[in-house]
N, C-alpha and C. Protein backbone atom coordinates (compact mmCIF):
# COMPACT_ATOMS: atom_id res chain seq x y z
N MET A 1 85.72 112.70 227.43
CA MET A 1 84.90 112.90 226.18
C MET A 1 83.60 113.37 227.54
N ILE A 2 82.58 113.73 227.13
CA ILE A 2 81.83 114.32 228.28
C ILE A 2 80.18 113.83 227.54
N LEU A 3 79.36 113.64 228.20
CA LEU A 3 78.19 113.56 227.91
C LEU A 3 76.91 114.09 228.45
N GLU A 4 76.43 114.74 228.10
CA GLU A 4 75.19 116.19 228.68
C GLU A 4 73.44 115.51 228.86
N THR A 5 72.94 115.47 229.67
CA THR A 5 71.41 114.84 229.04
C THR A 5 70.99 116.05 229.90
N GLU A 6 69.23 115.78 230.15
CA GLU A 6 68.92 117.07 230.71
C GLU A 6 69.17 117.96 231.64
N ARG A 7 69.23 116.51 233.07
CA ARG A 7 69.89 116.40 234.12
C ARG A 7 71.25 116.51 235.03
N LEU A 8 71.88 115.68 233.89
CA LEU A 8 73.02 114.70 234.05
C LEU A 8 74.45 115.61 233.18
N ILE A 9 75.47 114.92 233.89
CA ILE A 9 76.80 115.25 232.93
C ILE A 9 76.83 114.04 232.95
N LEU A 10 77.99 113.72 232.19
CA LEU A 10 78.82 112.14 232.65
C LEU A 10 79.99 112.10 231.86
N ARG A 11 81.06 112.18 232.94
CA ARG A 11 82.32 112.74 232.61
C ARG A 11 83.19 111.88 232.88
N PRO A 12 84.37 111.74 232.50
CA PRO A 12 85.47 110.88 233.73
C PRO A 12 85.66 111.47 234.96
N PHE A 13 86.06 110.04 235.77
CA PHE A 13 86.11 110.39 237.15
C PHE A 13 87.13 111.15 237.20
N LYS A 14 87.68 111.86 238.08
CA LYS A 14 88.58 112.82 238.69
C LYS A 14 89.32 112.27 240.09
N GLU A 15 90.26 112.51 241.04
CA GLU A 15 90.74 111.64 242.02
C GLU A 15 89.90 112.49 243.36
N THR A 16 89.45 113.73 243.02
CA THR A 16 88.47 114.25 243.91
C THR A 16 87.31 114.41 244.19
N ASP A 17 86.51 113.10 243.26
CA ASP A 17 86.09 112.63 243.57
C ASP A 17 86.03 111.36 244.30
N ALA A 18 87.00 111.67 244.89
CA ALA A 18 86.79 110.31 246.01
C ALA A 18 85.82 110.10 247.10
N ALA A 19 85.75 111.42 247.60
CA ALA A 19 85.13 111.48 248.66
C ALA A 19 83.32 111.13 248.41
N ASP A 20 83.07 111.61 247.24
CA ASP A 20 81.70 111.38 246.94
C ASP A 20 81.53 110.19 246.88
N LEU A 21 82.26 109.33 245.42
CA LEU A 21 82.07 108.21 245.53
C LEU A 21 82.00 107.29 246.63
N TYR A 22 83.01 107.33 247.73
CA TYR A 22 82.56 106.72 249.14
C TYR A 22 81.93 106.67 249.45
N HIS A 23 81.11 107.80 249.44
CA HIS A 23 79.51 108.65 250.63
C HIS A 23 78.57 107.26 249.67
N TYR A 24 78.83 107.23 248.46
CA TYR A 24 77.59 106.44 247.44
C TYR A 24 78.00 104.81 247.63
N ALA A 25 78.91 104.52 247.39
CA ALA A 25 79.86 103.14 247.02
C ALA A 25 80.23 102.79 248.62
N LYS A 26 79.77 103.54 249.58
CA LYS A 26 79.75 102.24 251.03
C LYS A 26 78.53 101.60 251.10
N ASP A 27 77.73 102.85 250.66
CA ASP A 27 76.20 101.71 251.09
C ASP A 27 76.10 100.14 250.26
N ALA A 28 75.64 98.86 251.31
CA ALA A 28 75.43 97.75 251.34
C ALA A 28 74.18 97.60 250.20
N ASN A 29 73.07 98.75 249.98
CA ASN A 29 72.05 98.54 248.86
C ASN A 29 72.74 98.39 247.70
N VAL A 30 73.75 98.79 247.70
CA VAL A 30 74.13 99.17 246.26
C VAL A 30 75.03 98.52 245.33
N GLY A 31 76.46 97.95 246.25
CA GLY A 31 77.10 97.43 245.40
C GLY A 31 77.43 95.87 245.27
N PRO A 32 77.15 94.94 246.47
CA PRO A 32 76.41 93.48 246.30
C PRO A 32 75.29 93.12 245.14
N ILE A 33 74.51 93.92 244.94
CA ILE A 33 73.17 94.14 243.66
C ILE A 33 74.15 93.77 242.69
N ALA A 34 74.65 95.04 242.42
CA ALA A 34 75.40 94.83 241.01
C ALA A 34 76.60 94.03 240.90
N GLY A 35 77.28 93.73 242.08
CA GLY A 35 78.43 92.36 242.13
C GLY A 35 79.72 92.98 242.70
N TRP A 36 79.84 93.95 243.64
CA TRP A 36 81.03 94.34 244.12
C TRP A 36 80.74 94.44 245.89
N PRO A 37 81.79 94.75 245.92
CA PRO A 37 81.43 95.27 247.40
C PRO A 37 81.33 96.33 248.01
N PRO A 38 80.49 96.85 248.95
CA PRO A 38 80.67 97.89 249.25
C PRO A 38 82.17 98.79 249.66
N HIS A 39 82.50 99.79 249.13
CA HIS A 39 83.78 100.60 249.49
C HIS A 39 83.93 100.63 250.58
N THR A 40 85.53 100.26 251.14
CA THR A 40 85.17 100.86 252.77
C THR A 40 86.34 101.66 253.31
N SER A 41 87.00 102.93 251.97
CA SER A 41 87.12 103.97 252.48
C SER A 41 86.96 104.91 251.75
N VAL A 42 87.55 106.16 251.46
CA VAL A 42 87.83 107.26 250.91
C VAL A 42 88.78 106.80 249.39
N GLU A 43 90.35 106.22 250.71
CA GLU A 43 91.29 105.77 250.03
C GLU A 43 90.84 104.55 248.70
N GLN A 44 89.90 103.79 249.07
CA GLN A 44 89.70 102.99 248.45
C GLN A 44 89.39 103.00 247.23
N SER A 45 88.18 103.42 247.42
CA SER A 45 87.32 104.81 246.39
C SER A 45 88.17 105.19 245.53
N ARG A 46 89.12 106.20 245.77
CA ARG A 46 89.90 106.63 245.43
C ARG A 46 91.28 105.60 244.31
N GLU A 47 91.32 104.95 244.91
CA GLU A 47 92.27 103.90 244.01
C GLU A 47 91.16 102.85 243.16
N ILE A 48 90.27 102.74 243.15
CA ILE A 48 89.56 102.35 241.80
C ILE A 48 89.08 103.61 241.24
N ILE A 49 89.17 104.56 241.36
CA ILE A 49 89.04 105.67 240.26
C ILE A 49 90.19 105.67 239.63
N ASN A 50 91.44 105.25 239.99
CA ASN A 50 92.83 105.44 239.69
C ASN A 50 92.73 104.26 239.14
N THR A 51 92.03 103.30 239.17
CA THR A 51 92.52 101.68 238.49
C THR A 51 91.44 101.32 237.25
N ILE A 52 90.40 100.66 237.85
CA ILE A 52 89.56 99.88 237.39
C ILE A 52 88.31 101.80 236.67
N PHE A 53 88.35 102.34 237.28
CA PHE A 53 86.75 103.72 236.36
C PHE A 53 88.10 104.51 235.36
N ALA A 54 89.33 104.24 235.92
CA ALA A 54 90.59 104.83 234.93
C ALA A 54 90.48 104.80 233.15
N GLN A 55 89.82 103.76 232.41
CA GLN A 55 89.83 103.56 231.54
C GLN A 55 88.67 104.25 230.44
N ALA A 56 88.74 104.85 228.99
CA ALA A 56 87.57 104.63 228.28
C ALA A 56 86.58 104.90 228.23
N GLY A 57 85.42 105.03 228.27
CA GLY A 57 84.25 105.05 228.11
C GLY A 57 83.69 104.45 229.62
N VAL A 58 84.41 105.12 230.77
CA VAL A 58 84.03 105.05 232.26
C VAL A 58 83.39 106.40 232.37
N PHE A 59 82.37 106.40 232.63
CA PHE A 59 81.93 107.93 233.11
C PHE A 59 81.43 107.90 234.83
N ALA A 60 81.28 108.88 234.91
CA ALA A 60 80.89 109.30 236.76
C ALA A 60 79.47 110.13 236.17
N ILE A 61 78.64 109.78 237.12
CA ILE A 61 77.30 110.12 236.55
C ILE A 61 77.25 111.28 237.95
N ALA A 62 76.80 112.81 237.10
CA ALA A 62 76.92 113.46 238.01
C ALA A 62 75.67 114.56 238.25
N LEU A 63 74.99 115.12 238.76
CA LEU A 63 74.14 116.18 238.66
C LEU A 63 74.22 117.34 238.03
N LYS A 64 73.55 117.86 237.06
CA LYS A 64 74.34 119.51 236.43
C LYS A 64 74.45 120.36 237.54
N GLU A 65 73.55 120.31 238.49
CA GLU A 65 73.63 121.16 239.68
C GLU A 65 74.34 121.55 240.25
N VAL A 66 75.04 120.17 240.60
CA VAL A 66 76.01 120.24 241.53
C VAL A 66 77.41 119.84 241.35
N ASN A 67 77.36 118.60 240.00
CA ASN A 67 78.81 117.99 239.20
C ASN A 67 79.28 117.38 240.45
N ILE A 68 78.70 116.51 241.41
CA ILE A 68 79.28 115.59 242.44
C ILE A 68 78.89 114.14 241.39
N ALA A 69 80.13 113.32 242.03
CA ALA A 69 79.84 111.84 241.24
C ALA A 69 78.99 111.21 242.30
N ILE A 70 77.71 110.69 241.82
CA ILE A 70 76.56 110.17 242.69
C ILE A 70 76.46 108.41 241.85
N GLY A 71 77.49 108.29 240.60
CA GLY A 71 77.25 106.84 240.16
C GLY A 71 78.37 106.33 239.49
N MET A 72 77.65 105.75 238.46
CA MET A 72 78.82 105.44 237.41
C MET A 72 78.39 104.43 236.03
N ILE A 73 78.25 105.10 234.94
CA ILE A 73 78.28 103.86 233.86
C ILE A 73 79.67 103.74 232.66
N GLY A 74 79.26 102.53 232.64
CA GLY A 74 80.85 102.42 231.48
C GLY A 74 80.28 101.66 230.28
N LEU A 75 80.76 102.01 228.87
CA LEU A 75 80.47 101.23 227.67
C LEU A 75 81.79 100.83 227.79
N ILE A 76 81.51 99.54 227.80
CA ILE A 76 83.18 98.32 227.43
C ILE A 76 83.06 98.17 226.50
N LEU A 77 84.32 97.99 225.30
CA LEU A 77 84.03 97.60 224.17
C LEU A 77 84.79 96.28 223.54
N GLY A 78 84.31 95.30 223.26
CA GLY A 78 84.87 94.43 222.27
C GLY A 78 85.39 92.85 223.48
N LYS A 79 86.79 92.95 223.52
CA LYS A 79 87.29 92.15 224.36
C LYS A 79 87.46 92.46 225.88
N ASN A 80 87.32 93.76 226.08
CA ASN A 80 87.24 94.37 227.59
C ASN A 80 86.39 94.31 227.78
N SER A 81 85.17 93.71 227.43
CA SER A 81 83.89 93.66 228.57
C SER A 81 84.22 91.82 229.12
N ASN A 82 83.18 91.81 230.07
CA ASN A 82 82.66 90.93 230.45
C ASN A 82 82.41 89.84 229.46
N PHE A 83 81.55 89.96 228.56
CA PHE A 83 81.12 89.01 228.15
C PHE A 83 81.88 88.63 226.55
N PRO A 84 81.89 87.78 226.17
CA PRO A 84 82.11 86.95 225.12
C PRO A 84 81.65 87.73 223.85
N ILE A 85 82.01 89.21 223.21
CA ILE A 85 82.00 89.96 222.17
C ILE A 85 82.26 89.96 221.51
N THR A 86 82.04 90.67 220.39
CA THR A 86 83.00 90.99 219.17
C THR A 86 83.51 92.62 219.48
N GLU A 87 84.39 93.45 218.69
CA GLU A 87 84.97 94.65 218.62
C GLU A 87 83.41 95.51 218.30
N ALA A 88 82.91 95.19 217.57
CA ALA A 88 81.87 96.19 217.00
C ALA A 88 80.63 96.17 217.98
N GLU A 89 80.88 95.44 219.48
CA GLU A 89 79.64 95.49 219.99
C GLU A 89 80.28 96.23 221.93
N GLY A 90 79.23 96.38 222.17
CA GLY A 90 79.56 97.34 223.51
C GLY A 90 79.07 96.16 224.90
N GLU A 91 79.61 96.59 226.12
CA GLU A 91 78.56 96.18 227.24
C GLU A 91 78.51 97.21 228.32
N ILE A 92 77.38 97.59 228.61
CA ILE A 92 76.76 98.92 229.18
C ILE A 92 76.68 98.17 231.01
N SER A 93 77.17 98.96 231.77
CA SER A 93 77.38 98.56 233.29
C SER A 93 77.05 99.81 234.32
N TYR A 94 76.32 100.13 235.32
CA TYR A 94 76.27 100.86 235.82
C TYR A 94 75.41 100.67 236.81
N TRP A 95 75.68 101.52 237.95
CA TRP A 95 75.18 101.81 239.13
C TRP A 95 74.80 103.78 239.70
N ILE A 96 73.94 103.52 240.58
CA ILE A 96 73.93 104.82 241.02
C ILE A 96 73.37 105.24 242.89
N GLY A 97 73.78 105.85 243.53
CA GLY A 97 73.15 105.98 244.47
C GLY A 97 71.93 106.18 245.25
N VAL A 98 71.86 105.10 246.25
CA VAL A 98 70.12 104.93 246.99
C VAL A 98 69.55 106.29 246.56
N PRO A 99 70.13 107.59 247.09
CA PRO A 99 69.41 108.45 247.26
C PRO A 99 68.64 108.78 245.53
N PHE A 100 69.19 108.69 244.92
CA PHE A 100 68.99 109.16 243.54
C PHE A 100 67.74 108.01 242.70
N TRP A 101 67.54 106.76 243.42
CA TRP A 101 66.93 105.31 243.06
C TRP A 101 65.17 106.28 242.49
N GLY A 102 64.51 105.60 241.78
CA GLY A 102 63.36 106.25 241.07
C GLY A 102 63.13 107.76 240.81
N ARG A 103 64.56 107.81 240.36
CA ARG A 103 63.83 109.79 239.98
C ARG A 103 64.46 109.33 238.44
N GLY A 104 64.10 108.14 237.80
CA GLY A 104 64.96 108.54 236.25
C GLY A 104 65.81 108.63 235.57
N LEU A 105 66.62 108.85 236.40
CA LEU A 105 68.23 109.13 236.43
C LEU A 105 69.09 108.27 235.71
N MET A 106 68.77 106.69 235.93
CA MET A 106 69.63 105.87 235.43
C MET A 106 69.31 105.39 234.02
N PRO A 107 67.53 105.54 234.13
CA PRO A 107 67.43 105.11 232.31
C PRO A 107 67.83 106.62 231.81
N GLU A 108 67.56 107.87 231.85
CA GLU A 108 68.33 109.01 231.15
C GLU A 108 69.97 108.71 231.08
N ALA A 109 70.70 108.30 232.09
CA ALA A 109 72.11 108.05 231.81
C ALA A 109 72.33 107.05 230.58
N ILE A 110 71.31 105.78 230.92
CA ILE A 110 71.90 104.90 229.96
C ILE A 110 71.67 105.25 228.59
N ARG A 111 69.98 106.16 228.51
CA ARG A 111 70.30 106.24 227.01
C ARG A 111 70.96 107.34 226.19
N ALA A 112 71.85 107.99 227.14
CA ALA A 112 72.94 109.01 226.83
C ALA A 112 74.04 108.36 226.49
N VAL A 113 74.41 106.98 227.15
CA VAL A 113 75.60 105.79 227.05
C VAL A 113 75.27 105.54 225.41
N VAL A 114 74.43 105.18 225.11
CA VAL A 114 73.52 104.25 224.22
C VAL A 114 73.59 105.16 223.00
N ARG A 115 73.33 106.15 223.51
CA ARG A 115 73.38 107.00 221.69
C ARG A 115 74.91 107.21 221.63
N HIS A 116 75.24 107.47 222.29
CA HIS A 116 76.72 107.65 221.87
C HIS A 116 77.49 106.36 221.23
N GLY A 117 77.48 105.41 221.94
CA GLY A 117 77.22 104.04 221.48
C GLY A 117 77.22 103.68 219.93
N PHE A 118 75.44 104.17 219.85
CA PHE A 118 75.43 102.90 218.04
C PHE A 118 75.65 104.78 217.09
N GLU A 119 75.68 106.04 217.78
CA GLU A 119 75.59 107.14 216.77
C GLU A 119 77.66 107.30 216.55
N ASP A 120 78.12 107.57 217.67
CA ASP A 120 79.40 107.72 217.43
C ASP A 120 80.61 106.30 217.53
N LEU A 121 80.41 105.67 218.02
CA LEU A 121 80.74 104.54 218.22
C LEU A 121 80.80 103.45 216.71
N ARG A 122 79.30 103.64 216.69
CA ARG A 122 78.79 102.52 215.10
C ARG A 122 78.70 101.38 215.58
N LEU A 123 78.43 101.12 216.96
CA LEU A 123 78.54 99.71 217.26
C LEU A 123 76.92 99.34 216.74
N VAL A 124 77.20 97.81 216.65
CA VAL A 124 75.85 96.84 216.04
C VAL A 124 74.88 96.18 217.28
N ASN A 125 75.12 96.12 218.50
CA ASN A 125 74.76 95.99 219.56
C ASN A 125 75.64 96.08 221.23
N ILE A 126 74.73 96.55 222.05
CA ILE A 126 74.84 96.72 223.10
C ILE A 126 74.12 95.98 224.29
N TRP A 127 75.08 95.20 225.00
CA TRP A 127 74.80 94.36 225.64
C TRP A 127 74.75 94.61 227.21
N SER A 128 73.76 94.24 228.51
CA SER A 128 73.85 94.19 229.39
C SER A 128 73.83 93.27 230.69
N GLY A 129 73.69 93.12 231.91
CA GLY A 129 73.19 92.45 232.12
C GLY A 129 72.84 92.80 233.95
N TYR A 130 72.25 91.65 234.56
CA TYR A 130 71.77 92.25 235.68
C TYR A 130 71.74 90.39 236.32
N TYR A 131 71.96 90.93 238.12
CA TYR A 131 72.02 89.44 238.75
C TYR A 131 70.49 89.22 239.21
N GLU A 132 70.36 88.02 239.29
CA GLU A 132 68.69 87.90 239.80
C GLU A 132 68.24 88.63 241.09
N GLY A 133 67.97 89.12 241.39
CA GLY A 133 66.79 90.00 241.91
C GLY A 133 67.12 91.43 242.37
N ASN A 134 67.72 91.56 241.08
CA ASN A 134 68.10 92.82 240.83
C ASN A 134 66.97 93.60 239.98
N ALA A 135 66.02 93.80 240.19
CA ALA A 135 64.92 94.18 239.92
C ALA A 135 64.87 95.91 239.30
N LYS A 136 65.89 96.26 239.85
CA LYS A 136 65.92 98.25 239.65
C LYS A 136 66.49 98.15 238.31
N SER A 137 67.56 97.00 237.95
CA SER A 137 68.04 97.46 236.99
C SER A 137 67.12 96.42 235.38
N GLN A 138 66.75 95.53 235.90
CA GLN A 138 66.07 95.23 234.99
C GLN A 138 65.32 95.92 234.39
N ILE A 139 64.33 96.58 235.25
CA ILE A 139 63.47 97.77 234.76
C ILE A 139 64.44 98.76 233.92
N ALA A 140 65.00 99.34 234.53
CA ALA A 140 65.88 100.62 233.92
C ALA A 140 66.24 99.63 232.19
N GLN A 141 66.83 98.73 232.32
CA GLN A 141 67.27 98.22 230.86
C GLN A 141 66.05 97.67 229.91
N GLU A 142 64.54 97.37 230.06
CA GLU A 142 64.13 97.76 229.69
C GLU A 142 63.04 98.88 228.79
N LYS A 143 63.25 99.77 229.67
CA LYS A 143 62.72 101.27 229.87
C LYS A 143 63.81 101.72 228.59
N CYS A 144 64.47 101.24 228.51
CA CYS A 144 66.06 101.91 227.26
C CYS A 144 66.09 100.74 226.08
N GLY A 145 64.83 100.11 225.84
CA GLY A 145 64.91 99.09 224.84
C GLY A 145 65.35 97.89 224.88
N PHE A 146 66.62 97.60 225.67
CA PHE A 146 66.92 96.11 225.82
C PHE A 146 66.10 95.71 225.80
N ARG A 147 66.58 93.71 225.11
CA ARG A 147 65.24 92.59 225.39
C ARG A 147 66.46 91.63 226.07
N TYR A 148 65.29 91.27 227.18
CA TYR A 148 66.37 89.63 227.52
C TYR A 148 66.34 88.98 226.21
N HIS A 149 67.68 88.12 226.17
CA HIS A 149 68.86 87.53 225.65
C HIS A 149 68.81 85.96 226.41
N HIS A 150 68.79 85.95 227.16
CA HIS A 150 69.56 84.62 227.77
C HIS A 150 70.43 84.61 229.21
N THR A 151 70.36 83.73 229.81
CA THR A 151 70.60 83.57 231.29
C THR A 151 71.83 82.55 231.45
N GLU A 152 72.57 82.99 232.30
CA GLU A 152 73.90 82.68 232.83
C GLU A 152 73.79 81.82 233.89
N GLU A 153 73.37 80.59 234.37
CA GLU A 153 72.79 79.88 235.18
C GLU A 153 74.15 80.08 236.52
N GLY A 154 75.15 80.21 236.06
CA GLY A 154 76.98 79.72 236.99
C GLY A 154 77.67 80.91 236.48
N SER A 155 77.22 81.89 236.75
CA SER A 155 78.20 83.41 236.69
C SER A 155 79.14 83.44 237.69
N HIS A 156 80.34 83.50 237.63
CA HIS A 156 81.19 83.72 238.38
C HIS A 156 81.78 85.35 238.46
N ASN A 157 81.29 85.64 239.83
CA ASN A 157 81.45 86.96 240.51
C ASN A 157 82.74 87.05 241.18
N ALA A 158 84.02 87.52 240.78
CA ALA A 158 85.22 87.72 240.74
C ALA A 158 85.26 88.12 242.24
N PHE A 159 84.68 90.21 241.83
CA PHE A 159 84.76 90.69 242.55
C PHE A 159 83.91 90.13 244.50
N LEU A 160 83.00 89.32 244.51
CA LEU A 160 82.47 88.50 246.00
C LEU A 160 82.85 87.12 245.54
N ASN A 161 83.33 86.67 244.90
CA ASN A 161 83.54 85.31 244.55
C ASN A 161 82.49 84.45 244.96
N GLU A 162 82.15 84.36 244.30
CA GLU A 162 80.58 83.97 244.30
C GLU A 162 79.89 83.48 242.94
N VAL A 163 79.13 82.74 243.08
CA VAL A 163 78.69 82.29 241.65
C VAL A 163 76.99 83.20 241.72
N ARG A 164 76.78 83.62 240.70
CA ARG A 164 75.14 83.64 240.68
C ARG A 164 73.67 83.71 239.00
N LYS A 165 73.38 84.01 239.28
CA LYS A 165 72.83 83.97 237.96
C LYS A 165 72.50 85.13 237.65
N GLU A 166 72.60 85.18 236.59
CA GLU A 166 72.94 86.36 235.63
C GLU A 166 72.00 86.70 234.25
N HIS A 167 71.36 87.37 234.52
CA HIS A 167 70.33 87.79 232.75
C HIS A 167 71.03 88.47 231.98
N ILE A 168 70.88 88.30 230.80
CA ILE A 168 71.79 89.19 230.03
C ILE A 168 71.04 89.51 229.00
N SER A 169 70.92 90.90 228.47
CA SER A 169 70.09 91.83 227.94
C SER A 169 71.07 92.67 226.80
N ARG A 170 70.50 93.13 225.41
CA ARG A 170 70.91 92.97 224.61
C ARG A 170 69.99 94.31 223.65
N LEU A 171 70.99 94.92 223.45
CA LEU A 171 69.73 96.25 222.55
C LEU A 171 70.67 96.85 220.78
N THR A 172 69.71 96.47 219.99
CA THR A 172 70.56 95.70 218.45
C THR A 172 70.61 97.54 217.98
N ARG A 173 71.52 98.05 217.45
CA ARG A 173 71.12 98.89 216.52
C ARG A 173 69.99 99.68 215.83
N ASP A 174 69.84 98.31 214.68
CA ASP A 174 68.05 98.25 214.80
C ASP A 174 67.06 98.80 214.79
N ASP A 175 67.11 97.85 216.08
CA ASP A 175 65.86 97.91 216.99
C ASP A 175 66.18 99.99 217.82
N TRP A 176 67.62 100.03 218.12
CA TRP A 176 67.07 101.47 218.98
C TRP A 176 67.16 102.43 217.60
N THR A 177 67.39 102.47 216.40
CA THR A 177 67.03 103.55 215.15
C THR A 177 66.03 103.29 215.30
N MET A 178 65.20 102.04 214.84
CA MET A 178 63.26 102.19 214.89
C MET A 178 62.65 102.86 216.00
N ALA A 179 63.28 102.34 217.41
CA ALA A 179 62.42 103.38 218.30
C ALA A 179 62.74 104.57 218.06
N ASN A 180 63.94 105.15 218.18
CA ASN A 180 64.45 106.44 218.27
C ASN A 180 64.59 107.34 216.52
N TYR A 181 63.73 107.07 215.65
CA TYR A 181 63.77 107.52 214.72
C TYR A 181 63.24 106.76 213.06
N GLY A 182 62.11 105.65 214.03
CA GLY A 182 60.96 105.30 213.16
C GLY A 182 61.63 104.72 211.71
N LYS A 183 62.76 104.35 211.50
CA LYS A 183 63.41 103.79 210.42
C LYS A 183 65.14 102.84 210.56
N VAL A 184 65.29 101.55 209.99
CA VAL A 184 66.34 101.40 209.87
C VAL A 184 67.49 101.48 209.09
N SER A 185 68.48 101.96 209.51
CA SER A 185 70.14 102.27 209.37
C SER A 185 70.23 100.95 208.72
N PHE A 186 71.09 101.37 207.54
CA PHE A 186 71.94 100.22 206.88
C PHE A 186 73.54 100.71 207.05
């Protein structure tokens, strides 16, 4: 599946994205705040493409003009989520390379995936989280209509093997419908 926005193509990752992925994912300002260690080689990025990113609902974020991977966004459903959610719910996670911060690209990508989740997949809720101190992620979620739901004080992060405070946000289909169409769907 491919989703398009005004400036972005959200598409499945390809092995040929490994060098571009590594270029942005090796930056220590990106991974740790999102909960994963910086990539250490193109080979590691290729392995992550072939394992972690090779699942339905995970998209490379690419600028339309050049179609190179500059980030990742995923919508993971039900029991495959990091959260205890039902099969009628999804969890959205994302990151984008530092050169693209502050340009509104992440909210643009989030909105496209949220639309897909509610219109195509008929989800009832979409959840997202951000670790304490990740103000950029919090702002992106708020811009897209997510509302704070709760905080998990002792959230264990397996990728970094540490315990963190994670804030959880939710967007309901009714809230999204009201914001986008001015009416509630039943």
